[in-house]
Amino acid sequence: METTSSATLVDLRLEQPPQVTKFLQELIQQDTYNKFCIDCNRLESTHANITYGTFVCQECANLHYMFGMDKSYIKPLFGEPWDNYQLKIVQLGGNKRLWDFLKQYNGLEQKPVAAKYKHAAASFYRKKISAEALGHVYDGKEPPKNAEEFLDRGVEGAKVAAKTAGEGLSKVGSAISEKFKESGISDKFKGLFAKKQ
């Protein structure tokens, strides 16, 4: 016996508003960097990487899908609705901005997708652009760009640690000295090391 329902299925697909489509088309058509995929630099962009505010081709989008949405959120440019955060991040970001940032790290912009996005510089950029899109200032420290900068930061860190340790030892020494004075022990030792005449 077949049952029928009076309820009809409703198509819940949301359409992309025309003004969003126009906005995205302008972002990729008016900027050569955005028009072509940031990762392969040869195919036209069909998707956005919301995590980094960049544009990628279908082929590279498939690579990003393998990372998982928590590492790289990929979204087709057209045919789906976008929220304000997603629009803001691609407006603030763009391929040239990430390209120029990664270029400071010994050609990181040219590395394979997996190596590029696992680097500390990519992680820093992701956090920075996300904060900007939310209207916040990101106060994280940018990773060192080369070995010299890495060593300089290590030396500075060691100086700060040594100064802090020195100040700590000085405070401990003062506290011990104060305790000796309070207990009267220091008076008992005064004559012990005096020169005999």
N, C-alpha and C. Protein backbone atom coordinates (compact mmCIF):
# COMPACT_ATOMS: atom_id res chain seq x y z
N MET A 1 0.83 -1.17 0.00
CA MET A 1 0.00 0.00 0.00
C MET A 1 0.88 1.25 0.00
N GLU A 2 0.66 2.11 -0.92
CA GLU A 2 1.46 3.31 -1.09
C GLU A 2 0.80 4.47 -0.36
N THR A 3 1.64 5.21 0.41
CA THR A 3 1.08 6.36 1.11
C THR A 3 1.47 7.63 0.38
N THR A 4 0.60 8.55 0.38
CA THR A 4 0.91 9.84 -0.24
C THR A 4 0.81 10.92 0.82
N SER A 5 1.60 11.91 0.64
CA SER A 5 1.60 13.02 1.59
C SER A 5 1.13 14.27 0.87
N SER A 6 0.43 15.09 1.58
CA SER A 6 -0.03 16.33 0.98
C SER A 6 1.07 17.39 0.99
N ALA A 7 2.15 17.12 1.75
CA ALA A 7 3.26 18.07 1.79
C ALA A 7 4.08 17.96 0.52
N THR A 8 4.45 19.08 -0.02
CA THR A 8 5.29 19.07 -1.21
C THR A 8 6.71 19.45 -0.79
N LEU A 9 7.65 18.88 -1.47
CA LEU A 9 9.04 19.20 -1.18
C LEU A 9 9.34 20.59 -1.69
N VAL A 10 10.05 21.32 -0.87
CA VAL A 10 10.42 22.68 -1.23
C VAL A 10 11.90 22.68 -1.57
N ASP A 11 12.24 23.32 -2.67
CA ASP A 11 13.64 23.45 -3.06
C ASP A 11 14.28 24.52 -2.17
N LEU A 12 15.18 24.11 -1.29
CA LEU A 12 15.78 25.02 -0.32
C LEU A 12 17.08 25.66 -0.79
N ARG A 13 17.43 25.43 -2.03
CA ARG A 13 18.65 26.06 -2.54
C ARG A 13 18.47 27.57 -2.58
N LEU A 14 19.43 28.25 -2.04
CA LEU A 14 19.38 29.71 -2.05
C LEU A 14 20.16 30.21 -3.25
N GLU A 15 19.62 31.16 -3.90
CA GLU A 15 20.27 31.73 -5.07
C GLU A 15 21.25 32.82 -4.64
N GLN A 16 22.26 33.02 -5.47
CA GLN A 16 23.21 34.09 -5.22
C GLN A 16 22.60 35.39 -5.73
N PRO A 17 22.47 36.39 -4.87
CA PRO A 17 21.91 37.66 -5.34
C PRO A 17 22.75 38.26 -6.47
N PRO A 18 22.11 38.90 -7.44
CA PRO A 18 22.83 39.46 -8.59
C PRO A 18 23.94 40.43 -8.20
N GLN A 19 23.73 41.22 -7.14
CA GLN A 19 24.76 42.18 -6.74
C GLN A 19 26.01 41.47 -6.21
N VAL A 20 25.84 40.29 -5.60
CA VAL A 20 26.99 39.51 -5.13
C VAL A 20 27.74 38.95 -6.33
N THR A 21 27.00 38.43 -7.30
CA THR A 21 27.62 37.90 -8.52
C THR A 21 28.43 39.00 -9.21
N LYS A 22 27.85 40.18 -9.32
CA LYS A 22 28.53 41.31 -9.97
C LYS A 22 29.79 41.69 -9.20
N PHE A 23 29.70 41.75 -7.88
CA PHE A 23 30.83 42.10 -7.04
C PHE A 23 31.98 41.11 -7.24
N LEU A 24 31.68 39.82 -7.23
CA LEU A 24 32.71 38.79 -7.40
C LEU A 24 33.30 38.82 -8.80
N GLN A 25 32.45 39.03 -9.81
CA GLN A 25 32.95 39.14 -11.19
C GLN A 25 33.93 40.29 -11.31
N GLU A 26 33.61 41.40 -10.69
CA GLU A 26 34.51 42.56 -10.74
C GLU A 26 35.84 42.26 -10.04
N LEU A 27 35.78 41.57 -8.91
CA LEU A 27 37.02 41.23 -8.20
C LEU A 27 37.96 40.39 -9.04
N ILE A 28 37.41 39.47 -9.82
CA ILE A 28 38.30 38.60 -10.61
C ILE A 28 38.59 39.14 -12.00
N GLN A 29 37.71 39.95 -12.56
CA GLN A 29 37.96 40.46 -13.91
C GLN A 29 38.81 41.71 -13.93
N GLN A 30 38.75 42.50 -12.88
CA GLN A 30 39.49 43.76 -12.86
C GLN A 30 40.90 43.62 -12.28
N ASP A 31 41.23 42.46 -11.79
CA ASP A 31 42.55 42.24 -11.20
C ASP A 31 43.13 40.95 -11.77
N THR A 32 44.18 41.08 -12.56
CA THR A 32 44.79 39.91 -13.20
C THR A 32 45.25 38.88 -12.17
N TYR A 33 45.71 39.35 -11.03
CA TYR A 33 46.14 38.41 -9.98
C TYR A 33 44.98 37.55 -9.52
N ASN A 34 43.80 38.13 -9.39
CA ASN A 34 42.62 37.37 -8.95
C ASN A 34 42.04 36.53 -10.07
N LYS A 35 42.20 36.96 -11.30
CA LYS A 35 41.61 36.24 -12.44
C LYS A 35 42.20 34.84 -12.56
N PHE A 36 43.48 34.73 -12.25
CA PHE A 36 44.15 33.43 -12.36
C PHE A 36 44.47 32.88 -10.97
N CYS A 37 44.43 31.58 -10.87
CA CYS A 37 44.62 30.85 -9.62
C CYS A 37 45.94 31.22 -8.94
N ILE A 38 45.88 31.52 -7.66
CA ILE A 38 47.09 31.87 -6.91
C ILE A 38 48.04 30.69 -6.76
N ASP A 39 47.53 29.48 -6.83
CA ASP A 39 48.36 28.31 -6.58
C ASP A 39 49.07 27.77 -7.82
N CYS A 40 48.36 27.67 -8.94
CA CYS A 40 49.01 27.13 -10.15
C CYS A 40 49.42 28.24 -11.12
N ASN A 41 48.85 29.41 -11.00
CA ASN A 41 49.16 30.57 -11.84
C ASN A 41 48.88 30.36 -13.32
N ARG A 42 48.06 29.38 -13.67
CA ARG A 42 47.82 29.14 -15.09
C ARG A 42 46.34 29.03 -15.45
N LEU A 43 45.53 28.52 -14.55
CA LEU A 43 44.10 28.36 -14.85
C LEU A 43 43.30 29.50 -14.22
N GLU A 44 42.17 29.81 -14.86
CA GLU A 44 41.33 30.89 -14.34
C GLU A 44 40.65 30.48 -13.03
N SER A 45 40.44 31.45 -12.19
CA SER A 45 39.83 31.22 -10.88
C SER A 45 38.35 30.87 -11.02
N THR A 46 37.94 29.85 -10.29
CA THR A 46 36.54 29.42 -10.27
C THR A 46 36.01 29.34 -8.84
N HIS A 47 36.92 29.38 -7.87
CA HIS A 47 36.56 29.23 -6.47
C HIS A 47 37.30 30.28 -5.63
N ALA A 48 36.80 30.49 -4.44
CA ALA A 48 37.49 31.36 -3.48
C ALA A 48 37.96 30.50 -2.32
N ASN A 49 39.13 30.84 -1.82
CA ASN A 49 39.62 30.24 -0.59
C ASN A 49 39.30 31.26 0.51
N ILE A 50 38.21 31.04 1.20
CA ILE A 50 37.73 31.98 2.21
C ILE A 50 38.74 32.10 3.36
N THR A 51 39.44 31.05 3.66
CA THR A 51 40.42 31.05 4.75
C THR A 51 41.50 32.10 4.52
N TYR A 52 41.91 32.28 3.26
CA TYR A 52 43.00 33.20 2.93
C TYR A 52 42.55 34.41 2.12
N GLY A 53 41.28 34.45 1.74
CA GLY A 53 40.78 35.57 0.95
C GLY A 53 41.34 35.59 -0.46
N THR A 54 41.54 34.41 -1.04
CA THR A 54 42.16 34.31 -2.36
C THR A 54 41.25 33.58 -3.34
N PHE A 55 41.73 33.49 -4.59
CA PHE A 55 40.98 32.86 -5.66
C PHE A 55 41.80 31.74 -6.28
N VAL A 56 41.14 30.59 -6.50
CA VAL A 56 41.82 29.40 -7.04
C VAL A 56 40.99 28.78 -8.15
N CYS A 57 41.64 27.93 -8.93
CA CYS A 57 40.95 27.20 -10.00
C CYS A 57 40.31 25.93 -9.44
N GLN A 58 39.52 25.26 -10.27
CA GLN A 58 38.85 24.03 -9.84
C GLN A 58 39.86 22.96 -9.43
N GLU A 59 40.93 22.84 -10.21
CA GLU A 59 41.95 21.82 -9.95
C GLU A 59 42.60 22.03 -8.57
N CYS A 60 42.99 23.25 -8.28
CA CYS A 60 43.63 23.54 -6.99
C CYS A 60 42.61 23.54 -5.86
N ALA A 61 41.36 23.89 -6.17
CA ALA A 61 40.29 23.80 -5.16
C ALA A 61 40.18 22.37 -4.66
N ASN A 62 40.30 21.41 -5.58
CA ASN A 62 40.23 20.00 -5.19
C ASN A 62 41.35 19.63 -4.22
N LEU A 63 42.54 20.21 -4.42
CA LEU A 63 43.65 19.96 -3.48
C LEU A 63 43.31 20.53 -2.10
N HIS A 64 42.74 21.71 -2.09
CA HIS A 64 42.38 22.35 -0.81
C HIS A 64 41.27 21.58 -0.09
N TYR A 65 40.34 21.00 -0.85
CA TYR A 65 39.27 20.22 -0.22
C TYR A 65 39.85 19.10 0.64
N MET A 66 40.99 18.55 0.21
CA MET A 66 41.61 17.45 0.95
C MET A 66 42.16 17.89 2.31
N PHE A 67 42.44 19.19 2.48
CA PHE A 67 42.93 19.69 3.77
C PHE A 67 41.83 19.72 4.82
N GLY A 68 40.59 19.80 4.37
CA GLY A 68 39.46 19.93 5.30
C GLY A 68 39.08 21.39 5.46
N MET A 69 37.81 21.62 5.76
CA MET A 69 37.29 22.99 5.86
C MET A 69 37.93 23.80 6.98
N ASP A 70 38.40 23.14 8.02
CA ASP A 70 39.02 23.88 9.12
C ASP A 70 40.37 24.46 8.74
N LYS A 71 41.01 23.90 7.73
CA LYS A 71 42.32 24.38 7.28
C LYS A 71 42.21 25.27 6.04
N SER A 72 41.25 24.98 5.18
CA SER A 72 41.12 25.70 3.93
C SER A 72 39.67 25.62 3.45
N TYR A 73 38.92 26.68 3.67
CA TYR A 73 37.51 26.70 3.31
C TYR A 73 37.35 27.20 1.88
N ILE A 74 36.99 26.29 0.99
CA ILE A 74 36.84 26.58 -0.43
C ILE A 74 35.37 26.73 -0.78
N LYS A 75 35.08 27.72 -1.62
CA LYS A 75 33.69 28.01 -1.99
C LYS A 75 33.65 28.38 -3.47
N PRO A 76 32.70 27.81 -4.24
CA PRO A 76 32.56 28.22 -5.65
C PRO A 76 32.24 29.71 -5.72
N LEU A 77 32.78 30.37 -6.73
CA LEU A 77 32.52 31.80 -6.86
C LEU A 77 31.06 32.11 -7.16
N PHE A 78 30.46 31.28 -7.98
CA PHE A 78 29.11 31.59 -8.43
C PHE A 78 28.15 30.44 -8.15
N GLY A 79 26.88 30.81 -7.95
CA GLY A 79 25.85 29.81 -7.77
C GLY A 79 25.47 29.55 -6.32
N GLU A 80 26.22 30.11 -5.39
CA GLU A 80 25.92 29.93 -3.96
C GLU A 80 25.83 31.29 -3.29
N PRO A 81 25.03 31.40 -2.25
CA PRO A 81 25.01 32.67 -1.50
C PRO A 81 26.30 32.84 -0.69
N TRP A 82 26.65 34.07 -0.46
CA TRP A 82 27.82 34.41 0.33
C TRP A 82 27.38 35.28 1.50
N ASP A 83 28.05 35.12 2.65
CA ASP A 83 27.73 36.01 3.76
C ASP A 83 28.68 37.21 3.75
N ASN A 84 28.42 38.17 4.61
CA ASN A 84 29.21 39.41 4.64
C ASN A 84 30.68 39.16 4.96
N TYR A 85 30.95 38.24 5.88
CA TYR A 85 32.34 37.92 6.24
C TYR A 85 33.10 37.39 5.02
N GLN A 86 32.49 36.48 4.28
CA GLN A 86 33.13 35.89 3.11
C GLN A 86 33.43 36.95 2.06
N LEU A 87 32.48 37.85 1.84
CA LEU A 87 32.69 38.93 0.87
C LEU A 87 33.79 39.88 1.34
N LYS A 88 33.79 40.18 2.61
CA LYS A 88 34.78 41.10 3.17
C LYS A 88 36.19 40.53 3.07
N ILE A 89 36.34 39.24 3.34
CA ILE A 89 37.68 38.66 3.36
C ILE A 89 38.29 38.60 1.95
N VAL A 90 37.48 38.34 0.92
CA VAL A 90 38.05 38.35 -0.44
C VAL A 90 38.29 39.77 -0.92
N GLN A 91 37.51 40.70 -0.41
CA GLN A 91 37.72 42.11 -0.76
C GLN A 91 39.01 42.63 -0.12
N LEU A 92 39.25 42.29 1.12
CA LEU A 92 40.47 42.71 1.82
C LEU A 92 41.70 41.97 1.32
N GLY A 93 41.51 40.70 1.01
CA GLY A 93 42.64 39.86 0.64
C GLY A 93 42.99 40.00 -0.83
N GLY A 94 42.68 38.96 -1.56
CA GLY A 94 43.05 38.93 -2.97
C GLY A 94 44.37 38.21 -3.16
N ASN A 95 44.57 37.75 -4.37
CA ASN A 95 45.76 36.95 -4.67
C ASN A 95 47.06 37.73 -4.55
N LYS A 96 47.07 38.98 -4.99
CA LYS A 96 48.32 39.75 -4.94
C LYS A 96 48.79 39.97 -3.51
N ARG A 97 47.87 40.25 -2.63
CA ARG A 97 48.26 40.51 -1.24
C ARG A 97 48.92 39.28 -0.61
N LEU A 98 48.32 38.11 -0.78
CA LEU A 98 48.94 36.89 -0.23
C LEU A 98 50.24 36.58 -0.95
N TRP A 99 50.24 36.72 -2.28
CA TRP A 99 51.44 36.46 -3.08
C TRP A 99 52.61 37.30 -2.58
N ASP A 100 52.40 38.60 -2.43
CA ASP A 100 53.46 39.49 -1.97
C ASP A 100 53.92 39.15 -0.55
N PHE A 101 52.99 38.76 0.29
CA PHE A 101 53.35 38.39 1.66
C PHE A 101 54.22 37.14 1.67
N LEU A 102 53.79 36.10 0.94
CA LEU A 102 54.54 34.84 0.93
C LEU A 102 55.89 34.98 0.24
N LYS A 103 55.99 35.91 -0.69
CA LYS A 103 57.24 36.13 -1.45
C LYS A 103 58.38 36.53 -0.51
N GLN A 104 58.07 37.13 0.62
CA GLN A 104 59.09 37.54 1.59
C GLN A 104 59.77 36.35 2.26
N TYR A 105 59.20 35.17 2.09
CA TYR A 105 59.69 33.96 2.76
C TYR A 105 60.39 33.02 1.77
N ASN A 106 61.45 33.51 1.16
CA ASN A 106 62.29 32.70 0.26
C ASN A 106 61.50 31.93 -0.80
N GLY A 107 60.63 32.61 -1.52
CA GLY A 107 59.91 31.98 -2.62
C GLY A 107 58.79 31.06 -2.18
N LEU A 108 58.25 31.26 -1.01
CA LEU A 108 57.16 30.42 -0.51
C LEU A 108 55.95 30.47 -1.43
N GLU A 109 55.77 31.59 -2.13
CA GLU A 109 54.62 31.73 -3.03
C GLU A 109 54.65 30.72 -4.18
N GLN A 110 55.82 30.18 -4.49
CA GLN A 110 55.98 29.23 -5.60
C GLN A 110 55.96 27.77 -5.15
N LYS A 111 55.92 27.55 -3.86
CA LYS A 111 55.96 26.17 -3.33
C LYS A 111 54.68 25.42 -3.65
N PRO A 112 54.72 24.09 -3.60
CA PRO A 112 53.50 23.29 -3.79
C PRO A 112 52.46 23.66 -2.72
N VAL A 113 51.21 23.45 -3.06
CA VAL A 113 50.09 23.85 -2.20
C VAL A 113 50.26 23.36 -0.76
N ALA A 114 50.57 22.10 -0.56
CA ALA A 114 50.67 21.55 0.80
C ALA A 114 51.77 22.27 1.60
N ALA A 115 52.93 22.47 1.01
CA ALA A 115 54.04 23.12 1.71
C ALA A 115 53.74 24.59 1.99
N LYS A 116 53.13 25.24 1.03
CA LYS A 116 52.84 26.67 1.15
C LYS A 116 51.91 26.96 2.33
N TYR A 117 50.84 26.19 2.43
CA TYR A 117 49.81 26.50 3.42
C TYR A 117 50.08 25.88 4.80
N LYS A 118 51.10 25.03 4.90
CA LYS A 118 51.49 24.49 6.22
C LYS A 118 52.54 25.37 6.90
N HIS A 119 53.09 26.31 6.18
CA HIS A 119 54.15 27.17 6.69
C HIS A 119 53.59 28.14 7.75
N ALA A 120 54.42 28.51 8.71
CA ALA A 120 54.01 29.44 9.77
C ALA A 120 53.58 30.79 9.20
N ALA A 121 54.17 31.20 8.08
CA ALA A 121 53.79 32.48 7.47
C ALA A 121 52.35 32.44 6.99
N ALA A 122 51.92 31.33 6.41
CA ALA A 122 50.53 31.20 5.95
C ALA A 122 49.58 31.21 7.14
N SER A 123 49.97 30.58 8.21
CA SER A 123 49.14 30.56 9.42
C SER A 123 48.99 31.98 9.99
N PHE A 124 50.07 32.71 10.03
CA PHE A 124 50.03 34.10 10.50
C PHE A 124 49.10 34.93 9.62
N TYR A 125 49.27 34.79 8.30
CA TYR A 125 48.45 35.57 7.35
C TYR A 125 46.97 35.24 7.52
N ARG A 126 46.67 33.97 7.66
CA ARG A 126 45.28 33.52 7.82
C ARG A 126 44.64 34.18 9.05
N LYS A 127 45.36 34.21 10.15
CA LYS A 127 44.83 34.82 11.38
C LYS A 127 44.69 36.33 11.24
N LYS A 128 45.67 36.93 10.58
CA LYS A 128 45.66 38.39 10.40
C LYS A 128 44.49 38.83 9.53
N ILE A 129 44.29 38.18 8.39
CA ILE A 129 43.23 38.62 7.48
C ILE A 129 41.85 38.31 8.05
N SER A 130 41.74 37.23 8.79
CA SER A 130 40.47 36.91 9.43
C SER A 130 40.11 37.98 10.47
N ALA A 131 41.09 38.40 11.25
CA ALA A 131 40.87 39.46 12.24
C ALA A 131 40.44 40.75 11.55
N GLU A 132 41.12 41.10 10.46
CA GLU A 132 40.78 42.31 9.71
C GLU A 132 39.34 42.25 9.20
N ALA A 133 38.95 41.11 8.67
CA ALA A 133 37.59 40.95 8.13
C ALA A 133 36.54 41.10 9.23
N LEU A 134 36.92 40.77 10.44
CA LEU A 134 36.01 40.91 11.59
C LEU A 134 36.09 42.29 12.24
N GLY A 135 36.97 43.14 11.69
CA GLY A 135 37.12 44.48 12.23
C GLY A 135 38.03 44.57 13.43
N HIS A 136 38.90 43.57 13.61
CA HIS A 136 39.83 43.54 14.74
C HIS A 136 41.26 43.75 14.25
N VAL A 137 42.14 44.08 15.18
CA VAL A 137 43.57 44.18 14.88
C VAL A 137 44.21 42.90 15.39
N TYR A 138 45.00 42.25 14.53
CA TYR A 138 45.69 41.03 14.94
C TYR A 138 47.05 41.42 15.49
N ASP A 139 47.35 41.02 16.71
CA ASP A 139 48.60 41.42 17.34
C ASP A 139 49.63 40.29 17.43
N GLY A 140 49.42 39.23 16.65
CA GLY A 140 50.38 38.14 16.62
C GLY A 140 51.69 38.58 15.99
N LYS A 141 52.76 37.88 16.31
CA LYS A 141 54.08 38.24 15.78
C LYS A 141 54.33 37.51 14.47
N GLU A 142 54.70 38.28 13.46
CA GLU A 142 55.00 37.71 12.15
C GLU A 142 56.22 36.80 12.25
N PRO A 143 56.17 35.61 11.62
CA PRO A 143 57.32 34.70 11.70
C PRO A 143 58.56 35.30 11.03
N PRO A 144 59.75 34.89 11.47
CA PRO A 144 60.97 35.40 10.84
C PRO A 144 61.02 35.01 9.36
N LYS A 145 61.56 35.92 8.54
CA LYS A 145 61.59 35.71 7.09
C LYS A 145 62.81 34.92 6.61
N ASN A 146 63.86 34.89 7.43
CA ASN A 146 65.08 34.19 7.03
C ASN A 146 65.86 33.78 8.27
N ALA A 147 66.98 33.10 8.05
CA ALA A 147 67.78 32.58 9.17
C ALA A 147 68.35 33.71 10.02
N GLU A 148 68.77 34.79 9.37
CA GLU A 148 69.35 35.92 10.11
C GLU A 148 68.31 36.53 11.07
N GLU A 149 67.10 36.73 10.56
CA GLU A 149 66.03 37.28 11.40
C GLU A 149 65.68 36.31 12.53
N PHE A 150 65.70 35.03 12.22
CA PHE A 150 65.43 34.00 13.23
C PHE A 150 66.47 34.07 14.34
N LEU A 151 67.76 34.17 13.95
CA LEU A 151 68.84 34.25 14.94
C LEU A 151 68.77 35.54 15.74
N ASP A 152 68.47 36.65 15.06
CA ASP A 152 68.34 37.93 15.76
C ASP A 152 67.26 37.86 16.84
N ARG A 153 66.14 37.24 16.48
CA ARG A 153 65.06 37.11 17.46
C ARG A 153 65.48 36.20 18.62
N GLY A 154 66.27 35.17 18.30
CA GLY A 154 66.77 34.28 19.34
C GLY A 154 67.69 35.00 20.30
N VAL A 155 68.58 35.84 19.75
CA VAL A 155 69.50 36.62 20.58
C VAL A 155 68.72 37.60 21.44
N GLU A 156 67.75 38.29 20.84
CA GLU A 156 66.92 39.24 21.61
C GLU A 156 66.17 38.51 22.72
N GLY A 157 65.65 37.34 22.38
CA GLY A 157 64.93 36.54 23.38
C GLY A 157 65.85 36.13 24.52
N ALA A 158 67.08 35.76 24.17
CA ALA A 158 68.05 35.36 25.20
C ALA A 158 68.41 36.55 26.09
N LYS A 159 68.55 37.74 25.48
CA LYS A 159 68.86 38.94 26.27
C LYS A 159 67.73 39.24 27.26
N VAL A 160 66.52 39.16 26.78
CA VAL A 160 65.36 39.41 27.66
C VAL A 160 65.32 38.38 28.78
N ALA A 161 65.56 37.11 28.42
CA ALA A 161 65.54 36.05 29.43
C ALA A 161 66.65 36.26 30.46
N ALA A 162 67.84 36.64 29.99
CA ALA A 162 68.96 36.88 30.91
C ALA A 162 68.67 38.06 31.83
N LYS A 163 68.11 39.12 31.27
CA LYS A 163 67.77 40.29 32.08
C LYS A 163 66.73 39.92 33.14
N THR A 164 65.71 39.20 32.71
CA THR A 164 64.66 38.77 33.63
C THR A 164 65.23 37.88 34.72
N ALA A 165 66.10 36.94 34.33
CA ALA A 165 66.72 36.05 35.31
C ALA A 165 67.61 36.84 36.26
N GLY A 166 68.37 37.80 35.73
CA GLY A 166 69.23 38.63 36.57
C GLY A 166 68.43 39.43 37.58
N GLU A 167 67.32 40.00 37.11
CA GLU A 167 66.45 40.76 38.02
C GLU A 167 65.86 39.84 39.08
N GLY A 168 65.51 38.64 38.67
CA GLY A 168 64.96 37.67 39.62
C GLY A 168 65.98 37.27 40.66
N LEU A 169 67.23 37.02 40.22
CA LEU A 169 68.29 36.66 41.17
C LEU A 169 68.58 37.81 42.12
N SER A 170 68.58 39.01 41.60
CA SER A 170 68.82 40.19 42.45
C SER A 170 67.74 40.30 43.53
N LYS A 171 66.49 40.06 43.14
CA LYS A 171 65.39 40.11 44.12
C LYS A 171 65.54 39.01 45.16
N VAL A 172 65.93 37.82 44.72
CA VAL A 172 66.13 36.71 45.65
C VAL A 172 67.27 37.04 46.61
N GLY A 173 68.37 37.58 46.06
CA GLY A 173 69.51 37.96 46.89
C GLY A 173 69.12 39.01 47.92
N SER A 174 68.35 40.01 47.50
CA SER A 174 67.89 41.06 48.43
C SER A 174 67.00 40.48 49.50
N ALA A 175 66.12 39.56 49.11
CA ALA A 175 65.21 38.94 50.08
C ALA A 175 65.98 38.12 51.10
N ILE A 176 67.00 37.38 50.64
CA ILE A 176 67.82 36.58 51.56
C ILE A 176 68.58 37.50 52.51
N SER A 177 69.16 38.56 51.96
CA SER A 177 69.90 39.52 52.78
C SER A 177 68.99 40.13 53.85
N GLU A 178 67.78 40.47 53.47
CA GLU A 178 66.81 41.04 54.41
C GLU A 178 66.48 40.04 55.52
N LYS A 179 66.30 38.78 55.15
CA LYS A 179 65.98 37.74 56.14
C LYS A 179 67.14 37.57 57.12
N PHE A 180 68.39 37.63 56.61
CA PHE A 180 69.56 37.53 57.49
C PHE A 180 69.56 38.67 58.49
N LYS A 181 69.27 39.87 58.00
CA LYS A 181 69.26 41.04 58.89
C LYS A 181 68.18 40.89 59.95
N GLU A 182 67.00 40.46 59.53
CA GLU A 182 65.88 40.31 60.46
C GLU A 182 66.18 39.26 61.54
N SER A 183 66.87 38.21 61.15
CA SER A 183 67.12 37.12 62.10
C SER A 183 68.30 37.40 63.03
N GLY A 184 69.12 38.38 62.70
CA GLY A 184 70.28 38.70 63.52
C GLY A 184 71.49 37.84 63.20
N ILE A 185 71.37 36.93 62.29
CA ILE A 185 72.49 36.06 61.93
C ILE A 185 73.62 36.87 61.31
N SER A 186 73.27 37.90 60.55
CA SER A 186 74.32 38.67 59.88
C SER A 186 75.27 39.30 60.89
N ASP A 187 74.77 39.71 62.07
CA ASP A 187 75.64 40.29 63.09
C ASP A 187 76.65 39.27 63.61
N LYS A 188 76.25 38.01 63.69
CA LYS A 188 77.13 36.96 64.19
C LYS A 188 78.27 36.67 63.23
N PHE A 189 78.02 36.91 61.91
CA PHE A 189 79.06 36.64 60.92
C PHE A 189 79.99 37.84 60.69
N LYS A 190 79.63 39.00 61.17
CA LYS A 190 80.41 40.21 60.91
C LYS A 190 81.86 40.06 61.37
N GLY A 191 82.07 39.59 62.54
CA GLY A 191 83.41 39.47 63.07
C GLY A 191 84.16 38.25 62.57
N LEU A 192 83.46 37.32 61.99
CA LEU A 192 84.07 36.07 61.55
C LEU A 192 85.12 36.29 60.46
N PHE A 193 84.86 37.21 59.56
CA PHE A 193 85.77 37.41 58.43
C PHE A 193 86.60 38.68 58.56
N ALA A 194 86.53 39.32 59.70
CA ALA A 194 87.30 40.55 59.90
C ALA A 194 88.78 40.22 59.99
N LYS A 195 89.63 41.13 59.55
CA LYS A 195 91.08 40.92 59.59
C LYS A 195 91.55 41.01 61.04
N LYS A 196 92.40 40.12 61.41
CA LYS A 196 92.98 40.15 62.75
C LYS A 196 94.22 41.02 62.72
N GLN A 197 94.38 41.82 63.76
CA GLN A 197 95.52 42.74 63.79
C GLN A 197 96.58 42.26 64.73
